[in-house]
Amino acid sequence: MKKLENYRDFSQHASEMERAGAWKQAESAWEKAATVARRRENQEWAENRRLFCAHYVRYPARRPEVNHG
């Protein structure tokens, strides 16, 4: 796997983890993306995505892949 170094690397990895349903890993990658982002918009986006993923880590029954009915 390629070494993750910049916002683009971390955000792409985080997006892949989200699509795979790996919410904890996605949360961590978004956190890293926020810390290396240079643009305020990217920092805010990454922090909001981190919070979104953290919600699914904390409340697994609310995850989109869970069948509720």
C-alpha atoms as a PDB file:
ATOM      1  CA  MET A   1       0.000   0.000   0.000  1.00  0.00           C
ATOM      2  CA  LYS A   2       1.155   3.498  -0.849  1.00  0.00           C
ATOM      3  CA  LYS A   3       2.293   5.658   2.041  1.00  0.00           C
ATOM      4  CA  LEU A   4      -0.353   8.217   2.938  1.00  0.00           C
ATOM      5  CA  GLU A   5       1.162  11.690   3.055  1.00  0.00           C
ATOM      6  CA  ASN A   6      -1.259  14.428   2.072  1.00  0.00           C
ATOM      7  CA  TYR A   7      -4.911  15.413   2.222  1.00  0.00           C
ATOM      8  CA  ARG A   8      -5.753  13.728  -1.048  1.00  0.00           C
ATOM      9  CA  ASP A   9      -4.157  10.436   0.039  1.00  0.00           C
ATOM     10  CA  PHE A  10      -5.919  10.385   3.406  1.00  0.00           C
ATOM     11  CA  SER A  11      -9.282  11.510   2.033  1.00  0.00           C
ATOM     12  CA  GLN A  12      -9.242   8.883  -0.728  1.00  0.00           C
ATOM     13  CA  HIS A  13      -8.339   6.199   1.796  1.00  0.00           C
ATOM     14  CA  ALA A  14     -11.078   7.398   4.156  1.00  0.00           C
ATOM     15  CA  SER A  15     -13.634   7.306   1.348  1.00  0.00           C
ATOM     16  CA  GLU A  16     -12.624   3.756   0.475  1.00  0.00           C
ATOM     17  CA  MET A  17     -12.974   2.724   4.113  1.00  0.00           C
ATOM     18  CA  GLU A  18     -16.442   4.290   4.274  1.00  0.00           C
ATOM     19  CA  ARG A  19     -17.551   2.390   1.172  1.00  0.00           C
ATOM     20  CA  ALA A  20     -16.223  -0.818   2.734  1.00  0.00           C
ATOM     21  CA  GLY A  21     -18.117  -0.143   5.967  1.00  0.00           C
ATOM     22  CA  ALA A  22     -14.872   0.144   7.955  1.00  0.00           C
ATOM     23  CA  TRP A  23     -16.117   3.096   9.976  1.00  0.00           C
ATOM     24  CA  LYS A  24     -13.370   3.160  12.641  1.00  0.00           C
ATOM     25  CA  GLN A  25     -10.622   3.157   9.997  1.00  0.00           C
ATOM     26  CA  ALA A  26     -12.480   5.816   8.016  1.00  0.00           C
ATOM     27  CA  GLU A  27     -12.802   7.955  11.132  1.00  0.00           C
ATOM     28  CA  SER A  28      -9.068   7.721  11.733  1.00  0.00           C
ATOM     29  CA  ALA A  29      -8.213   8.534   8.117  1.00  0.00           C
ATOM     30  CA  TRP A  30     -10.521  11.570   8.104  1.00  0.00           C
ATOM     31  CA  GLU A  31      -8.867  12.763  11.316  1.00  0.00           C
ATOM     32  CA  LYS A  32      -5.449  12.546   9.647  1.00  0.00           C
ATOM     33  CA  ALA A  33      -6.803  14.261   6.533  1.00  0.00           C
ATOM     34  CA  ALA A  34      -8.038  17.166   8.644  1.00  0.00           C
ATOM     35  CA  THR A  35      -4.631  17.602  10.271  1.00  0.00           C
ATOM     36  CA  VAL A  36      -2.706  17.710   6.976  1.00  0.00           C
ATOM     37  CA  ALA A  37      -5.251  19.757   4.991  1.00  0.00           C
ATOM     38  CA  ARG A  38      -4.010  23.170   3.940  1.00  0.00           C
ATOM     39  CA  ARG A  39      -7.350  24.663   2.937  1.00  0.00           C
ATOM     40  CA  ARG A  40      -9.900  25.490   5.596  1.00  0.00           C
ATOM     41  CA  GLU A  41     -12.695  23.996   3.475  1.00  0.00           C
ATOM     42  CA  ASN A  42     -10.870  20.674   3.377  1.00  0.00           C
ATOM     43  CA  GLN A  43     -10.217  20.778   7.120  1.00  0.00           C
ATOM     44  CA  GLU A  44     -13.901  21.384   7.789  1.00  0.00           C
ATOM     45  CA  TRP A  45     -15.017  18.699   5.341  1.00  0.00           C
ATOM     46  CA  ALA A  46     -12.660  16.127   6.858  1.00  0.00           C
ATOM     47  CA  GLU A  47     -13.743  16.971  10.398  1.00  0.00           C
ATOM     48  CA  ASN A  48     -17.417  16.660   9.450  1.00  0.00           C
ATOM     49  CA  ARG A  49     -16.787  13.302   7.765  1.00  0.00           C
ATOM     50  CA  ARG A  50     -14.859  12.175  10.850  1.00  0.00           C
ATOM     51  CA  LEU A  51     -17.850  13.021  13.029  1.00  0.00           C
ATOM     52  CA  PHE A  52     -20.156  11.198  10.607  1.00  0.00           C
ATOM     53  CA  CYS A  53     -18.014   8.055  10.821  1.00  0.00           C
ATOM     54  CA  ALA A  54     -17.681   8.378  14.606  1.00  0.00           C
ATOM     55  CA  HIS A  55     -21.481   8.334  14.835  1.00  0.00           C
ATOM     56  CA  TYR A  56     -21.582   4.942  13.106  1.00  0.00           C
ATOM     57  CA  VAL A  57     -18.760   3.636  15.288  1.00  0.00           C
ATOM     58  CA  ARG A  58     -20.688   4.646  18.398  1.00  0.00           C
ATOM     59  CA  TYR A  59     -24.124   3.524  17.152  1.00  0.00           C
ATOM     60  CA  PRO A  60     -23.598   0.385  15.021  1.00  0.00           C
ATOM     61  CA  ALA A  61     -27.336  -0.323  14.677  1.00  0.00           C
ATOM     62  CA  ARG A  62     -27.732   2.918  12.711  1.00  0.00           C
ATOM     63  CA  ARG A  63     -25.215   1.946  10.044  1.00  0.00           C
ATOM     64  CA  PRO A  64     -26.630   2.017   6.527  1.00  0.00           C
ATOM     65  CA  GLU A  65     -25.788  -1.642   5.848  1.00  0.00           C
ATOM     66  CA  VAL A  66     -27.937  -2.825   8.773  1.00  0.00           C
ATOM     67  CA  ASN A  67     -31.345  -4.130   7.710  1.00  0.00           C
ATOM     68  CA  HIS A  68     -33.992  -2.593   9.946  1.00  0.00           C
ATOM     69  CA  GLY A  69     -36.985  -4.361   8.715  1.00  0.00           C
END
